[in-house]
Amino acid sequence: MDTQHRRRRVVVLNQYAQPLSRAGGTRHVELFSRLRGWDWSIVAASWDHFSHSDLAADDPHFVTVPVTRYTGNDHRRVLSWLTYARNACRAVLRGPRPDVVYASSPHLLTPVAGWLAARLRRSRFVLEVRDLWPEAMVSTGFLRRNSPTHRLLRALERWLYRRADRIVIVAAGWRAYFAAAGVPDAKLEWISNGAEPEDFDLRPDRYQPLRRRVPVRGRLLVFAGSHGAINGLHRLLDAVAEVPEHTFVLIGDGLEKPELVARAAAEGLTNVHFLDRVPKQELRGILGDADIGIHVLAHSPVYDLGASPNKLYDYLAAGLPVVNNCPGEPEDILRAADSGLTVPTADLATGLRELAALEPEKLAAMGRRGRRYVEENRSRTVMAAKLQRLLDGLVEEIPPVRP
């Protein structure tokens, strides 16, 4: 077959990838499904640690591999990473030969498996960095800088950067971090997280509208995302208590959710409602029923380097103006979109009250501007075109001799 016209093949390694029919990370489904001339598959774990259930993927592009199960941040989580890396590598070796192995962080064992599989199958290796490990672990207090574990992970991180044919980063602000690590800028490709506005049209014909799921008083403000320590949701509950005239709904799950629910009940916060995680397709069809989106994070020095939060793009794609407490890239995006405001990390209540006080017409206009900005600059279509150029160009290059 003429190699210039045959379909290429790429396999994606992401332990936590999810199909659109489930809640969670759908970045790779949304990007790779838009490629032209490429066959693609995603190797994911057969067990979803978010829902603590088996992943019954209904997408034929998914290949699932067994992993050790875990519920907290202990040795069993590391064991899960190890078993995924081993079994994902085996899956690549047993399947059709890929032209490209595309391995995604955050944990570094997935890229190690991707590098090994690519080397054994004589494929190109793309490393995607969605979180700066181990820097993020140090920043959030899970790892002590210059400890033996940190030095080991740092060495592994640098080793992977040298071995990758290309490195995909999700936050443009990370370029300085990689330059300091000795990575040439030409090796980097920025492919942001994003959202497709047309996917976020309201679907009351298919899904119960958000306003019928909770009693609404005043404006309806929504947070949709993980409920973990880094998400800063205790700060949000502080703000909820200060803005009792409006309704808040938190959609998602995470280690801190039981504590958050208990706190809201203990403090009598009747204007906040907690909903379970919903599949991405359903979230798209109900998110625009709110008035305002809330992008909140606990302060962490790693966010000063850059961030590309999915929930921010989801809000904008759904036509919601956004209150944000994270400086840097999220603030720059909102300023460019003219679709919200950024407040100091610990001063959410002021921003929420200010935005909620605007007339409906002004809120709607801000929402339209945000939706247009995402469509033109951060949509999945825009980012998939960048991915297409990266992969097409990579397979056309003469592979270097690898160390």
Protein backbone atom coordinates (compact mmCIF):
# COMPACT_ATOMS: atom_id res chain seq x y z
CA MET A 1 0.00 0.00 0.00
CA ASP A 2 1.20 3.54 -0.76
CA THR A 3 2.42 4.85 2.60
CA GLN A 4 1.46 8.38 1.56
CA HIS A 5 -2.23 7.42 1.39
CA ARG A 6 -2.67 4.67 3.97
CA ARG A 7 -4.43 5.50 7.19
CA ARG A 8 -2.13 6.12 10.12
CA ARG A 9 -2.61 4.67 13.56
CA VAL A 10 -2.18 6.30 16.97
CA VAL A 11 -2.71 4.70 20.36
CA VAL A 12 -3.35 6.89 23.41
CA LEU A 13 -2.34 5.82 26.91
CA ASN A 14 -4.40 7.48 29.64
CA GLN A 15 -5.28 5.50 32.75
CA TYR A 16 -8.20 7.78 33.61
CA ALA A 17 -9.72 8.41 30.17
CA GLN A 18 -13.50 8.21 29.92
CA PRO A 19 -15.96 7.84 27.04
CA LEU A 20 -18.56 10.58 26.53
CA SER A 21 -21.20 8.38 28.11
CA ARG A 22 -19.49 8.71 31.51
CA ALA A 23 -18.38 11.51 33.79
CA GLY A 24 -14.74 12.47 33.87
CA GLY A 25 -11.92 13.17 31.46
CA THR A 26 -13.08 13.10 27.84
CA ARG A 27 -10.27 15.23 26.36
CA HIS A 28 -8.83 12.46 24.22
CA VAL A 29 -12.13 11.20 22.86
CA GLU A 30 -13.07 14.72 21.84
CA LEU A 31 -9.70 15.48 20.22
CA PHE A 32 -8.82 12.22 18.48
CA SER A 33 -12.34 11.67 17.12
CA ARG A 34 -11.84 14.82 15.04
CA LEU A 35 -8.68 13.62 13.28
CA ARG A 36 -8.72 12.89 9.56
CA GLY A 37 -6.82 9.94 8.12
CA TRP A 38 -5.99 8.42 11.49
CA ASP A 39 -7.26 5.30 13.24
CA TRP A 40 -7.10 5.77 16.98
CA SER A 41 -7.61 3.87 20.19
CA ILE A 42 -7.40 4.74 23.88
CA VAL A 43 -5.97 2.35 26.46
CA ALA A 44 -7.67 3.10 29.80
CA ALA A 45 -7.97 1.34 33.15
CA SER A 46 -10.80 -1.15 33.47
CA TRP A 47 -11.67 0.31 36.86
CA ASP A 48 -12.80 3.90 37.38
CA HIS A 49 -11.38 5.14 40.66
CA PHE A 50 -13.70 8.17 40.68
CA SER A 51 -16.91 6.14 40.75
CA HIS A 52 -15.26 3.04 42.29
CA SER A 53 -16.80 0.89 39.61
CA ASP A 54 -15.78 -1.07 36.55
CA LEU A 55 -15.38 0.97 33.39
CA ALA A 56 -17.81 -0.52 30.89
CA ALA A 57 -16.74 1.56 27.92
CA ASP A 58 -19.37 1.62 25.19
CA ASP A 59 -16.96 3.25 22.73
CA PRO A 60 -15.22 0.79 20.36
CA HIS A 61 -12.12 2.98 20.41
CA PHE A 62 -11.52 2.08 24.07
CA VAL A 63 -9.29 -0.77 25.17
CA THR A 64 -9.38 -1.40 28.92
CA VAL A 65 -6.70 -3.13 30.97
CA PRO A 66 -6.88 -4.43 34.55
CA VAL A 67 -5.41 -2.38 37.39
CA THR A 68 -5.11 -2.65 41.14
CA ARG A 69 -7.98 -0.84 42.84
CA TYR A 70 -7.55 1.93 45.39
CA THR A 71 -9.59 4.55 47.23
CA GLY A 72 -7.05 6.88 48.86
CA ASN A 73 -3.57 8.33 48.45
CA ASP A 74 -1.53 5.39 49.74
CA HIS A 75 0.70 2.64 48.34
CA ARG A 76 -2.27 1.05 46.56
CA ARG A 77 -2.55 4.08 44.32
CA VAL A 78 1.08 3.69 43.26
CA LEU A 79 0.47 -0.01 42.71
CA SER A 80 -2.45 0.90 40.46
CA TRP A 81 -0.15 3.11 38.38
CA LEU A 82 2.38 0.30 38.10
CA THR A 83 -0.16 -2.31 37.01
CA TYR A 84 -1.67 0.10 34.49
CA ALA A 85 1.74 0.92 33.01
CA ARG A 86 2.63 -2.77 32.64
CA ASN A 87 -0.72 -3.78 31.15
CA ALA A 88 -1.02 -0.75 28.88
CA CYS A 89 2.41 -1.49 27.43
CA ARG A 90 1.34 -5.09 26.83
CA ALA A 91 -1.82 -3.90 25.10
CA VAL A 92 0.21 -1.81 22.65
CA LEU A 93 2.59 -4.68 21.96
CA ARG A 94 -0.27 -7.12 21.31
CA GLY A 95 -2.28 -4.81 19.06
CA PRO A 96 -1.65 -3.48 15.55
CA ARG A 97 1.56 -1.51 15.23
CA PRO A 98 0.91 2.21 15.81
CA ASP A 99 2.68 4.98 13.97
CA VAL A 100 2.53 7.06 17.15
CA VAL A 101 2.24 6.21 20.84
CA TYR A 102 0.70 9.18 22.66
CA ALA A 103 1.13 8.85 26.44
CA SER A 104 -0.55 11.27 28.82
CA SER A 105 0.35 12.23 32.39
CA PRO A 106 -0.20 13.24 35.20
CA HIS A 107 1.56 10.26 36.76
CA LEU A 108 4.88 9.53 35.10
CA LEU A 109 4.59 5.75 34.78
CA THR A 110 2.15 6.06 31.88
CA PRO A 111 4.72 7.96 29.78
CA VAL A 112 7.37 5.42 30.75
CA ALA A 113 5.10 2.67 29.40
CA GLY A 114 4.46 4.78 26.31
CA TRP A 115 8.17 5.27 25.66
CA LEU A 116 8.89 1.54 26.05
CA ALA A 117 6.00 0.53 23.80
CA ALA A 118 7.03 3.07 21.16
CA ARG A 119 10.63 1.87 21.23
CA LEU A 120 9.66 -1.79 20.91
CA ARG A 121 7.14 -1.10 18.12
CA ARG A 122 9.44 1.40 16.37
CA SER A 123 6.83 4.11 16.69
CA ARG A 124 7.09 7.83 17.40
CA PHE A 125 6.58 8.84 21.02
CA VAL A 126 4.52 11.87 22.07
CA LEU A 127 4.47 12.82 25.73
CA GLU A 128 1.45 14.83 26.83
CA VAL A 129 1.81 16.78 30.08
CA ARG A 130 -1.49 17.65 31.71
CA ASP A 131 -0.02 18.34 35.14
CA LEU A 132 3.52 19.26 36.16
CA TRP A 133 4.60 16.24 38.17
CA PRO A 134 6.44 16.18 40.47
CA GLU A 135 6.22 19.98 40.84
CA ALA A 136 2.47 19.85 41.49
CA MET A 137 2.99 17.28 44.25
CA VAL A 138 5.49 19.57 45.97
CA SER A 139 3.24 22.60 45.50
CA THR A 140 0.26 20.90 47.11
CA GLY A 141 2.25 19.51 50.04
CA PHE A 142 2.17 15.82 49.07
CA LEU A 143 5.94 15.66 48.47
CA ARG A 144 8.90 17.40 50.10
CA ARG A 145 11.22 19.21 47.72
CA ASN A 146 14.68 17.60 47.43
CA SER A 147 13.56 14.48 49.26
CA PRO A 148 14.86 11.22 47.76
CA THR A 149 11.46 10.56 46.18
CA HIS A 150 11.33 14.06 44.70
CA ARG A 151 14.83 13.76 43.24
CA LEU A 152 13.96 10.39 41.73
CA LEU A 153 10.76 11.69 40.14
CA ARG A 154 12.50 14.83 38.92
CA ALA A 155 15.17 12.73 37.23
CA LEU A 156 12.49 10.56 35.63
CA GLU A 157 10.64 13.65 34.44
CA ARG A 158 13.77 15.04 32.75
CA TRP A 159 14.56 11.64 31.26
CA LEU A 160 11.11 11.49 29.65
CA TYR A 161 11.47 15.00 28.26
CA ARG A 162 14.70 13.96 26.51
CA ARG A 163 13.20 10.75 25.10
CA ALA A 164 9.98 12.21 23.69
CA ASP A 165 9.80 13.09 20.00
CA ARG A 166 7.33 15.83 20.87
CA ILE A 167 5.86 17.16 24.12
CA VAL A 168 2.27 18.39 24.23
CA ILE A 169 1.46 20.90 26.97
CA VAL A 170 -2.02 22.05 27.92
CA ALA A 171 -1.04 25.43 29.44
CA ALA A 172 0.80 28.01 27.36
CA GLY A 173 2.40 29.46 30.49
CA TRP A 174 4.39 26.27 31.04
CA ARG A 175 6.90 27.11 28.30
CA ALA A 176 9.18 28.86 30.79
CA TYR A 177 9.12 25.80 33.06
CA PHE A 178 10.19 23.54 30.21
CA ALA A 179 12.85 25.99 29.06
CA ALA A 180 14.31 25.86 32.58
CA ALA A 181 14.30 22.06 32.29
CA GLY A 182 16.40 22.30 29.12
CA VAL A 183 13.62 21.43 26.65
CA PRO A 184 13.90 23.26 23.29
CA ASP A 185 10.79 25.29 22.52
CA ALA A 186 10.57 23.63 19.10
CA LYS A 187 9.89 20.33 20.84
CA LEU A 188 6.77 21.71 22.53
CA GLU A 189 3.27 21.87 21.12
CA TRP A 190 0.53 23.73 22.99
CA ILE A 191 -2.81 21.92 22.71
CA SER A 192 -5.05 23.43 25.33
CA ASN A 193 -8.00 21.88 27.04
CA GLY A 194 -11.20 23.24 25.58
CA ALA A 195 -14.85 22.72 24.77
CA GLU A 196 -17.07 22.72 21.70
CA PRO A 197 -19.83 25.34 22.10
CA GLU A 198 -22.32 23.56 19.84
CA ASP A 199 -22.11 20.54 22.17
CA PHE A 200 -23.38 22.68 25.07
CA ASP A 201 -26.79 23.59 23.70
CA LEU A 202 -29.51 22.90 26.26
CA ARG A 203 -31.25 19.56 25.80
CA PRO A 204 -34.48 19.60 27.84
CA ASP A 205 -35.84 16.96 25.47
CA ARG A 206 -33.22 14.51 26.73
CA TYR A 207 -32.17 15.63 30.21
CA GLN A 208 -34.03 17.12 33.16
CA PRO A 209 -33.11 20.84 33.24
CA LEU A 210 -30.86 21.94 36.08
CA ARG A 211 -33.50 24.31 37.42
CA ARG A 212 -35.87 21.41 37.92
CA ARG A 213 -33.32 19.43 39.91
CA VAL A 214 -32.90 21.97 42.70
CA PRO A 215 -35.11 24.73 44.16
CA VAL A 216 -33.85 28.08 42.87
CA ARG A 217 -33.92 31.41 44.69
CA GLY A 218 -32.24 34.37 43.02
CA ARG A 219 -29.50 33.54 40.53
CA LEU A 220 -28.40 29.96 39.92
CA LEU A 221 -24.62 29.60 40.23
CA VAL A 222 -22.91 26.33 39.33
CA PHE A 223 -19.64 24.58 40.08
CA ALA A 224 -19.04 21.41 38.02
CA GLY A 225 -15.88 19.47 38.75
CA SER A 226 -13.89 17.46 41.23
CA HIS A 227 -14.43 17.94 44.95
CA GLY A 228 -10.85 17.61 46.19
CA ALA A 229 -8.59 19.69 48.41
CA ILE A 230 -7.00 21.48 45.47
CA ASN A 231 -10.41 22.67 44.25
CA GLY A 232 -10.84 25.03 47.17
CA LEU A 233 -14.50 24.29 47.75
CA HIS A 234 -14.39 25.22 51.43
CA ARG A 235 -13.69 28.73 50.19
CA LEU A 236 -16.77 28.42 48.04
CA LEU A 237 -18.88 27.38 51.03
CA ASP A 238 -17.55 30.43 52.86
CA ALA A 239 -18.92 32.53 49.99
CA VAL A 240 -22.21 30.61 49.93
CA ALA A 241 -22.78 31.63 53.54
CA GLU A 242 -22.19 35.28 52.63
CA VAL A 243 -24.53 35.26 49.63
CA PRO A 244 -27.72 33.63 50.96
CA GLU A 245 -29.94 35.38 48.44
CA HIS A 246 -28.72 33.18 45.57
CA THR A 247 -28.68 29.44 44.85
CA PHE A 248 -25.56 27.35 44.40
CA VAL A 249 -25.31 23.87 42.92
CA LEU A 250 -22.14 21.76 43.05
CA ILE A 251 -21.95 18.91 40.55
CA GLY A 252 -19.30 16.23 40.93
CA ASP A 253 -17.52 13.99 43.37
CA GLY A 254 -14.22 13.70 45.20
CA LEU A 255 -12.52 12.89 48.47
CA GLU A 256 -13.76 16.07 50.17
CA LYS A 257 -17.40 15.82 49.13
CA PRO A 258 -18.67 14.03 52.28
CA GLU A 259 -16.98 16.68 54.43
CA LEU A 260 -18.43 19.50 52.31
CA VAL A 261 -21.94 18.06 52.48
CA ALA A 262 -21.65 17.62 56.24
CA ARG A 263 -20.38 21.17 56.71
CA ALA A 264 -23.21 22.66 54.64
CA ALA A 265 -25.75 20.74 56.71
CA ALA A 266 -24.12 21.69 60.02
CA GLU A 267 -24.05 25.38 59.10
CA GLY A 268 -27.59 25.38 57.75
CA LEU A 269 -26.57 26.43 54.24
CA THR A 270 -29.93 25.80 52.59
CA ASN A 271 -28.97 27.70 49.44
CA VAL A 272 -26.39 25.11 48.31
CA HIS A 273 -27.21 21.77 46.71
CA PHE A 274 -24.89 18.87 45.89
CA LEU A 275 -25.51 16.70 42.83
CA ASP A 276 -23.69 13.53 41.81
CA ARG A 277 -21.33 13.37 38.86
CA VAL A 278 -23.14 13.09 35.54
CA PRO A 279 -21.92 11.82 32.16
CA LYS A 280 -20.22 14.46 30.04
CA GLN A 281 -22.98 14.31 27.44
CA GLU A 282 -25.57 15.08 30.11
CA LEU A 283 -23.50 17.86 31.67
CA ARG A 284 -23.28 19.54 28.29
CA GLY A 285 -27.06 19.47 27.97
CA ILE A 286 -27.82 21.04 31.36
CA LEU A 287 -24.94 23.39 32.23
CA GLY A 288 -26.29 26.36 30.29
CA ASP A 289 -29.42 26.34 32.46
CA ALA A 290 -27.46 28.14 35.20
CA ASP A 291 -26.79 31.88 35.27
CA ILE A 292 -23.14 31.94 36.33
CA GLY A 293 -20.25 29.48 36.40
CA ILE A 294 -17.79 29.32 39.30
CA HIS A 295 -14.12 28.55 38.70
CA VAL A 296 -12.48 28.16 42.09
CA LEU A 297 -9.16 26.69 43.18
CA ALA A 298 -7.20 26.64 46.41
CA HIS A 299 -4.05 28.67 46.00
CA SER A 300 -1.07 26.61 44.92
CA PRO A 301 2.25 27.94 43.60
CA VAL A 302 2.11 25.52 40.67
CA TYR A 303 -0.85 27.45 39.25
CA ASP A 304 1.37 30.52 39.00
CA LEU A 305 3.20 28.63 36.23
CA GLY A 306 0.03 28.19 34.17
CA ALA A 307 -3.30 26.36 34.11
CA SER A 308 -5.80 25.06 31.57
CA PRO A 309 -8.94 24.17 33.55
CA ASN A 310 -11.59 22.16 31.73
CA LYS A 311 -14.44 23.55 33.79
CA LEU A 312 -13.65 27.13 32.73
CA TYR A 313 -13.99 26.21 29.06
CA ASP A 314 -17.17 24.25 29.77
CA TYR A 315 -18.77 27.27 31.41
CA LEU A 316 -17.82 29.59 28.57
CA ALA A 317 -18.95 27.11 25.91
CA ALA A 318 -22.30 26.84 27.71
CA GLY A 319 -22.71 30.62 27.52
CA LEU A 320 -22.14 31.28 31.23
CA PRO A 321 -20.25 34.30 32.56
CA VAL A 322 -17.67 33.16 35.10
CA VAL A 323 -16.39 34.21 38.50
CA ASN A 324 -12.78 33.06 38.85
CA ASN A 325 -10.36 33.18 41.78
CA CYS A 326 -7.28 31.82 40.00
CA PRO A 327 -4.79 34.40 38.65
CA GLY A 328 -2.65 33.83 35.60
CA GLU A 329 -3.92 32.01 32.54
CA PRO A 330 -7.59 31.65 33.67
CA GLU A 331 -7.68 35.38 34.39
CA ASP A 332 -6.14 36.13 30.99
CA ILE A 333 -8.75 33.97 29.26
CA LEU A 334 -11.65 35.71 30.97
CA ARG A 335 -10.17 39.11 30.17
CA ALA A 336 -9.72 38.17 26.50
CA ALA A 337 -13.24 36.75 26.35
CA ASP A 338 -14.72 39.70 28.29
CA SER A 339 -16.98 37.19 29.96
CA GLY A 340 -16.50 37.35 33.69
CA LEU A 341 -14.30 38.63 36.45
CA THR A 342 -11.38 37.48 38.58
CA VAL A 343 -11.22 38.10 42.30
CA PRO A 344 -8.53 37.49 44.92
CA THR A 345 -8.24 33.83 45.88
CA ALA A 346 -9.99 34.25 49.23
CA ASP A 347 -12.61 36.82 48.17
CA LEU A 348 -15.10 34.85 46.14
CA ALA A 349 -18.19 36.34 47.79
CA THR A 350 -17.51 39.84 46.45
CA GLY A 351 -17.20 38.63 42.87
CA LEU A 352 -20.21 36.33 43.07
CA ARG A 353 -22.40 39.09 44.46
CA GLU A 354 -21.15 41.61 41.88
CA LEU A 355 -21.79 39.38 38.89
CA ALA A 356 -25.13 38.14 40.21
CA ALA A 357 -26.30 41.75 40.56
CA LEU A 358 -26.03 42.41 36.82
CA GLU A 359 -29.14 42.61 34.70
CA PRO A 360 -30.07 39.42 32.81
CA GLU A 361 -29.34 41.10 29.47
CA LYS A 362 -25.78 41.94 30.56
CA LEU A 363 -25.18 38.43 31.83
CA ALA A 364 -26.47 36.99 28.55
CA ALA A 365 -24.22 39.31 26.53
CA MET A 366 -21.19 38.23 28.57
CA GLY A 367 -22.15 34.62 27.99
CA ARG A 368 -22.36 35.12 24.23
CA ARG A 369 -18.93 36.73 24.17
CA GLY A 370 -17.43 33.84 26.12
CA ARG A 371 -19.03 31.28 23.85
CA ARG A 372 -17.68 33.06 20.77
CA TYR A 373 -14.19 33.28 22.28
CA VAL A 374 -14.08 29.54 22.96
CA GLU A 375 -15.38 28.73 19.49
CA GLU A 376 -12.67 30.82 17.84
CA ASN A 377 -9.74 30.13 20.17
CA ARG A 378 -10.21 27.14 22.52
CA SER A 379 -12.69 24.80 20.90
CA ARG A 380 -11.98 21.11 20.48
CA THR A 381 -12.09 21.71 16.72
CA VAL A 382 -9.36 24.37 16.91
CA MET A 383 -7.20 22.19 19.14
CA ALA A 384 -7.78 19.04 17.09
CA ALA A 385 -6.45 20.91 14.05
CA LYS A 386 -3.24 21.57 15.99
CA LEU A 387 -3.07 17.89 16.96
CA GLN A 388 -3.62 16.90 13.31
CA ARG A 389 -0.69 19.03 12.17
CA LEU A 390 1.51 17.66 14.94
CA LEU A 391 0.82 14.00 14.17
CA ASP A 392 0.93 14.41 10.38
CA GLY A 393 4.24 16.22 10.58
CA LEU A 394 5.71 13.75 13.04
CA VAL A 395 5.20 10.66 10.90
CA GLU A 396 6.61 12.44 7.87
CA GLU A 397 9.89 13.19 9.63
CA ILE A 398 12.87 10.86 9.45
CA PRO A 399 13.04 9.28 12.91
CA PRO A 400 16.18 10.16 14.86
CA VAL A 401 18.47 7.53 16.30
CA ARG A 402 17.29 7.15 19.88
CA PRO A 403 19.67 6.81 22.81
